[in-house]
Amino acid sequence: MRAVIFSLIALVFFDLMGLIIKFLSPKYSAVELSAYRNVFGIIPSAIALWYSDMRHQTYRSFVIRQWPLACLRGAIVTLAQLMFYLSLGRIAFATASTISYSNALFMTIFAIIFLGEKVGLIRWAAVLVGFIGVIMVMGLGSDAFTWDALLPFGAAALYALSGVTARLMDDDVSSALVNIYSTLIAVAGSILLTLFLGGFSSINSGSDVFWIITMGAFGGTAVLFLVISFRMTEQSNLAPFSYFGIPMAAFFGWLFFDETPFDDLFPGALLIIAGGLLVIWRERQLNS
């Protein structure tokens, strides 16, 4: 129960971070916001490392054998952030968030490619149902479709890829240490990308400084709660509760931005949830 509560708290913090990103998007580019989020978000990541089993180890313990893979995860996360943050500034908050939940479906596909997992008819059917839901939410083939809807779709694929590659890490490497490696690379990557694309804009108000710091703190805290919850129980036990984020995002989008894209979300969002839950149910059956 505590793991479920922590995972739901993480969802709230992720949504709050997204709301601030959408609020700041007219003033700052997505790549700038990604850099700020990573810089200020590294503090909770460092706290997670300190409170993990690694805090009593020597400096040598922080050097991991698969450091190139850990660094690659950081680069993948940097690109995923850029795409998702761009989408938050261009389409409805709930729409971007809902499409991003297709990452569970991508994880099934990537598990076949990179982990050699065998997927039966039921899980393939679940993936198909979920992707039909994503296409419906995106409005593909209708007048409501916009190419910006592909941004959270691509971000979902990249986030799923980062999740699957984490499972390739050695079992004796702590989750917190993997996260700190990825976060440090994401910090460096997002800063370099910002400088390459024109540099940082001037921050002209104290309130913007406050929101930027809060955005990073919310994002880092969300990851911290997520890491803690994953260490308390199996991810398959938490995955069904992650879909609470879809109605939560719709509520926050309506409350703070007066967005009401409910006709665009349903019934596609229900198919995304159904596909994800079917994948989870089948995995739990196979593991029981």
Protein backbone atom coordinates (compact mmCIF):
# COMPACT_ATOMS: atom_id res chain seq x y z
CA MET A 1 0.00 0.00 0.00
CA ARG A 2 2.84 2.39 0.81
CA ALA A 3 4.44 1.67 -2.57
CA VAL A 4 1.14 2.45 -4.33
CA ILE A 5 0.78 5.70 -2.38
CA PHE A 6 4.34 6.74 -3.25
CA SER A 7 3.75 5.99 -6.94
CA LEU A 8 0.57 8.09 -6.93
CA ILE A 9 2.45 10.95 -5.24
CA ALA A 10 5.01 10.66 -8.05
CA LEU A 11 2.21 11.02 -10.62
CA VAL A 12 0.98 14.20 -8.93
CA PHE A 13 4.48 15.70 -8.93
CA PHE A 14 5.00 14.76 -12.58
CA ASP A 15 1.73 16.49 -13.51
CA LEU A 16 2.61 19.57 -11.44
CA MET A 17 5.96 19.73 -13.22
CA GLY A 18 4.17 19.47 -16.58
CA LEU A 19 1.78 22.26 -15.66
CA ILE A 20 4.68 24.58 -14.83
CA ILE A 21 6.41 23.67 -18.11
CA LYS A 22 3.25 24.53 -20.03
CA PHE A 23 2.95 27.81 -18.07
CA LEU A 24 6.56 28.77 -18.85
CA SER A 25 6.54 27.59 -22.49
CA PRO A 26 5.55 30.98 -23.99
CA LYS A 27 8.65 32.56 -22.39
CA TYR A 28 11.27 29.82 -22.61
CA SER A 29 12.08 27.12 -25.16
CA ALA A 30 11.53 23.45 -24.44
CA VAL A 31 15.26 22.75 -24.49
CA GLU A 32 15.87 25.50 -21.90
CA LEU A 33 13.17 24.10 -19.64
CA SER A 34 14.68 20.64 -20.03
CA ALA A 35 18.06 21.97 -18.93
CA TYR A 36 16.59 23.78 -15.92
CA ARG A 37 14.56 20.72 -14.95
CA ASN A 38 17.65 18.52 -15.00
CA VAL A 39 19.88 20.97 -13.13
CA PHE A 40 17.47 21.47 -10.24
CA GLY A 41 16.12 17.93 -10.43
CA ILE A 42 19.51 16.41 -9.68
CA ILE A 43 19.17 17.34 -6.00
CA PRO A 44 16.41 14.77 -5.25
CA SER A 45 18.39 12.24 -7.34
CA ALA A 46 21.41 12.81 -5.11
CA ILE A 47 19.19 12.37 -2.05
CA ALA A 48 17.95 9.05 -3.45
CA LEU A 49 21.55 7.92 -3.91
CA TRP A 50 22.49 8.99 -0.39
CA TYR A 51 19.63 7.09 1.21
CA SER A 52 20.24 3.97 -0.88
CA ASP A 53 22.64 1.21 0.09
CA MET A 54 25.41 3.04 -1.77
CA ARG A 55 25.85 5.75 0.87
CA HIS A 56 28.26 3.63 2.91
CA GLN A 57 30.41 2.58 -0.05
CA THR A 58 33.74 3.97 -1.24
CA TYR A 59 34.37 6.11 -4.29
CA ARG A 60 35.20 2.99 -6.34
CA SER A 61 31.66 1.73 -5.78
CA PHE A 62 30.34 4.58 -7.90
CA VAL A 63 32.21 3.34 -10.97
CA ILE A 64 30.01 0.85 -12.80
CA ARG A 65 31.00 -1.63 -15.49
CA GLN A 66 28.24 -0.60 -17.90
CA TRP A 67 28.80 3.13 -17.67
CA PRO A 68 28.40 3.63 -21.48
CA LEU A 69 24.90 2.13 -21.26
CA ALA A 70 24.06 4.34 -18.27
CA CYS A 71 25.26 7.38 -20.23
CA LEU A 72 23.23 6.30 -23.27
CA ARG A 73 20.13 6.26 -21.05
CA GLY A 74 20.86 9.87 -20.12
CA ALA A 75 21.01 10.86 -23.80
CA ILE A 76 17.74 9.03 -24.49
CA VAL A 77 16.05 10.80 -21.56
CA THR A 78 17.32 14.17 -22.84
CA LEU A 79 15.65 13.64 -26.23
CA ALA A 80 12.48 12.30 -24.60
CA GLN A 81 12.24 15.38 -22.37
CA LEU A 82 12.74 17.72 -25.32
CA MET A 83 9.92 16.09 -27.30
CA PHE A 84 7.51 15.93 -24.39
CA TYR A 85 8.18 19.49 -23.23
CA LEU A 86 7.66 20.74 -26.79
CA SER A 87 4.31 18.98 -26.88
CA LEU A 88 3.19 20.58 -23.61
CA GLY A 89 3.64 24.01 -25.15
CA ARG A 90 1.80 23.17 -28.37
CA ILE A 91 -1.15 20.88 -27.58
CA ALA A 92 -3.59 20.39 -24.71
CA PHE A 93 -2.01 19.22 -21.47
CA ALA A 94 -4.32 16.21 -21.08
CA THR A 95 -3.83 15.15 -24.72
CA ALA A 96 -0.02 15.21 -24.46
CA SER A 97 -0.11 13.35 -21.15
CA THR A 98 -2.54 10.70 -22.41
CA ILE A 99 -0.51 9.95 -25.54
CA SER A 100 2.62 9.62 -23.40
CA TYR A 101 1.00 6.70 -21.55
CA SER A 102 1.59 4.58 -24.63
CA ASN A 103 5.10 3.97 -23.23
CA ALA A 104 3.82 0.75 -21.59
CA LEU A 105 3.00 -0.56 -25.07
CA PHE A 106 6.39 0.45 -26.43
CA MET A 107 8.06 -1.34 -23.54
CA THR A 108 6.47 -4.60 -24.71
CA ILE A 109 7.90 -4.13 -28.20
CA PHE A 110 11.36 -3.11 -26.97
CA ALA A 111 11.44 -6.05 -24.55
CA ILE A 112 11.16 -8.35 -27.58
CA ILE A 113 13.93 -6.55 -29.45
CA PHE A 114 16.46 -5.94 -26.66
CA LEU A 115 15.63 -8.49 -23.98
CA GLY A 116 14.62 -11.38 -26.20
CA GLU A 117 11.25 -11.80 -24.48
CA LYS A 118 8.64 -13.95 -26.16
CA VAL A 119 5.25 -12.30 -26.60
CA GLY A 120 2.12 -14.30 -27.26
CA LEU A 121 -1.12 -13.49 -29.01
CA ILE A 122 -2.77 -11.87 -25.98
CA ARG A 123 -0.01 -9.33 -25.44
CA TRP A 124 0.20 -8.54 -29.15
CA ALA A 125 -3.57 -7.97 -29.10
CA ALA A 126 -3.12 -5.68 -26.09
CA VAL A 127 -0.45 -3.67 -27.94
CA LEU A 128 -2.74 -3.36 -30.97
CA VAL A 129 -5.69 -2.18 -28.86
CA GLY A 130 -3.50 0.35 -27.09
CA PHE A 131 -2.09 1.76 -30.33
CA ILE A 132 -5.59 2.09 -31.80
CA GLY A 133 -6.40 4.17 -28.71
CA VAL A 134 -3.32 6.34 -29.26
CA ILE A 135 -4.26 6.92 -32.91
CA MET A 136 -7.76 7.96 -31.83
CA VAL A 137 -6.45 10.44 -29.26
CA MET A 138 -3.99 11.84 -31.80
CA GLY A 139 -6.86 12.26 -34.27
CA LEU A 140 -4.82 10.67 -37.05
CA GLY A 141 -6.70 10.94 -40.34
CA SER A 142 -9.14 13.57 -39.05
CA ASP A 143 -9.26 17.35 -39.38
CA ALA A 144 -8.29 17.63 -35.70
CA PHE A 145 -4.91 15.95 -36.30
CA THR A 146 -1.78 18.03 -35.81
CA TRP A 147 1.81 16.92 -36.33
CA ASP A 148 2.57 18.16 -32.83
CA ALA A 149 0.69 15.11 -31.52
CA LEU A 150 3.64 13.00 -32.70
CA LEU A 151 5.88 14.67 -30.11
CA PRO A 152 4.48 12.93 -27.00
CA PHE A 153 4.22 9.74 -29.06
CA GLY A 154 7.96 9.88 -29.78
CA ALA A 155 8.67 10.84 -26.17
CA ALA A 156 6.73 7.78 -24.97
CA ALA A 157 8.87 5.54 -27.20
CA LEU A 158 12.09 7.07 -25.87
CA TYR A 159 10.99 6.87 -22.22
CA ALA A 160 10.10 3.21 -22.78
CA LEU A 161 13.51 2.64 -24.33
CA SER A 162 15.19 4.14 -21.28
CA GLY A 163 13.13 1.84 -19.07
CA VAL A 164 14.03 -1.29 -21.01
CA THR A 165 17.74 -0.43 -21.15
CA ALA A 166 17.69 -0.05 -17.35
CA ARG A 167 16.84 -3.75 -17.19
CA LEU A 168 20.07 -4.48 -19.07
CA MET A 169 22.12 -3.09 -16.18
CA ASP A 170 23.86 -5.48 -13.78
CA ASP A 171 21.66 -6.57 -10.88
CA ASP A 172 24.18 -5.43 -8.27
CA VAL A 173 23.97 -1.80 -9.44
CA SER A 174 21.47 0.20 -7.37
CA SER A 175 18.55 1.96 -9.05
CA ALA A 176 19.65 5.24 -7.47
CA LEU A 177 23.14 4.97 -8.99
CA VAL A 178 21.73 4.21 -12.44
CA ASN A 179 19.45 7.22 -12.05
CA ILE A 180 22.26 9.57 -11.00
CA TYR A 181 24.35 8.57 -14.04
CA SER A 182 21.41 9.20 -16.37
CA THR A 183 20.57 12.49 -14.67
CA LEU A 184 24.13 13.82 -14.92
CA ILE A 185 24.28 13.00 -18.63
CA ALA A 186 20.82 14.56 -19.11
CA VAL A 187 22.08 17.73 -17.37
CA ALA A 188 25.13 17.95 -19.66
CA GLY A 189 23.18 16.98 -22.78
CA SER A 190 20.33 19.44 -22.25
CA ILE A 191 22.73 22.32 -21.48
CA LEU A 192 24.84 21.60 -24.59
CA LEU A 193 21.70 21.28 -26.71
CA THR A 194 20.43 24.63 -25.39
CA LEU A 195 23.73 26.35 -26.18
CA PHE A 196 23.78 24.79 -29.67
CA LEU A 197 20.23 25.95 -30.40
CA GLY A 198 20.76 29.58 -29.44
CA GLY A 199 21.53 29.71 -25.74
CA PHE A 200 19.54 30.58 -22.66
CA SER A 201 17.00 33.41 -22.55
CA SER A 202 17.22 36.10 -19.91
CA ILE A 203 15.15 35.44 -16.80
CA ASN A 204 13.57 38.79 -16.07
CA SER A 205 11.48 38.14 -12.98
CA GLY A 206 11.86 36.57 -9.58
CA SER A 207 8.61 34.69 -10.05
CA ASP A 208 10.05 32.92 -13.11
CA VAL A 209 13.10 31.91 -11.07
CA PHE A 210 10.76 30.49 -8.43
CA TRP A 211 8.73 28.50 -10.99
CA ILE A 212 11.86 27.19 -12.74
CA ILE A 213 13.35 25.94 -9.47
CA THR A 214 9.99 24.49 -8.43
CA MET A 215 9.64 22.73 -11.80
CA GLY A 216 13.01 21.02 -11.36
CA ALA A 217 12.30 20.14 -7.74
CA PHE A 218 8.90 18.64 -8.66
CA GLY A 219 10.42 16.55 -11.47
CA GLY A 220 13.29 15.31 -9.34
CA THR A 221 10.98 14.57 -6.41
CA ALA A 222 8.66 12.61 -8.69
CA VAL A 223 11.56 10.43 -9.82
CA LEU A 224 12.63 10.00 -6.19
CA PHE A 225 9.19 8.75 -5.14
CA LEU A 226 9.05 6.50 -8.20
CA VAL A 227 12.44 4.93 -7.41
CA ILE A 228 11.38 4.34 -3.80
CA SER A 229 8.09 2.73 -4.84
CA PHE A 230 9.82 0.46 -7.39
CA ARG A 231 12.22 -0.74 -4.70
CA MET A 232 9.34 -1.60 -2.35
CA THR A 233 7.39 -3.87 -4.70
CA GLU A 234 7.34 -5.24 -8.23
CA GLN A 235 6.68 -2.76 -11.02
CA SER A 236 3.77 -4.89 -12.27
CA ASN A 237 1.99 -4.22 -8.97
CA LEU A 238 2.24 -0.47 -9.50
CA ALA A 239 1.63 -0.21 -13.24
CA PRO A 240 -2.20 -0.39 -13.09
CA PHE A 241 -2.29 2.63 -10.78
CA SER A 242 -0.21 4.72 -13.20
CA TYR A 243 -3.31 5.13 -15.39
CA PHE A 244 -4.85 7.33 -12.70
CA GLY A 245 -2.61 9.93 -14.35
CA ILE A 246 -4.93 10.23 -17.36
CA PRO A 247 -8.03 11.59 -15.53
CA MET A 248 -5.68 13.53 -13.25
CA ALA A 249 -4.07 15.27 -16.23
CA ALA A 250 -7.52 16.02 -17.71
CA PHE A 251 -8.60 17.57 -14.39
CA PHE A 252 -5.44 19.68 -14.05
CA GLY A 253 -5.65 20.84 -17.67
CA TRP A 254 -9.24 21.95 -17.13
CA LEU A 255 -8.51 23.55 -13.74
CA PHE A 256 -5.42 25.58 -14.68
CA PHE A 257 -5.73 26.15 -18.44
CA ASP A 258 -9.48 25.82 -19.02
CA GLU A 259 -8.82 23.01 -21.51
CA THR A 260 -11.67 20.63 -22.25
CA PRO A 261 -10.42 18.17 -24.91
CA PHE A 262 -12.64 15.42 -23.53
CA ASP A 263 -14.11 14.56 -26.94
CA ASP A 264 -10.58 14.05 -28.24
CA LEU A 265 -9.55 11.87 -25.30
CA PHE A 266 -12.39 9.37 -25.29
CA PRO A 267 -12.81 6.58 -26.16
CA GLY A 268 -9.14 6.46 -27.22
CA ALA A 269 -7.87 6.95 -23.65
CA LEU A 270 -9.95 3.97 -22.51
CA LEU A 271 -8.34 1.78 -25.18
CA ILE A 272 -4.86 2.90 -24.08
CA ILE A 273 -5.73 1.95 -20.50
CA ALA A 274 -7.28 -1.35 -21.61
CA GLY A 275 -4.24 -2.26 -23.70
CA GLY A 276 -1.81 -1.42 -20.89
CA LEU A 277 -3.79 -3.32 -18.27
CA LEU A 278 -4.07 -6.35 -20.54
CA VAL A 279 -0.29 -6.40 -20.94
CA ILE A 280 0.14 -6.18 -17.16
CA TRP A 281 -2.45 -8.89 -16.49
CA ARG A 282 -0.77 -11.25 -18.96
CA GLU A 283 2.70 -10.64 -17.49
CA ARG A 284 1.45 -11.35 -13.99
CA GLN A 285 -0.18 -14.57 -15.20
CA LEU A 286 3.08 -15.71 -16.79
CA ASN A 287 5.08 -14.87 -13.64
CA SER A 288 2.66 -16.54 -11.20
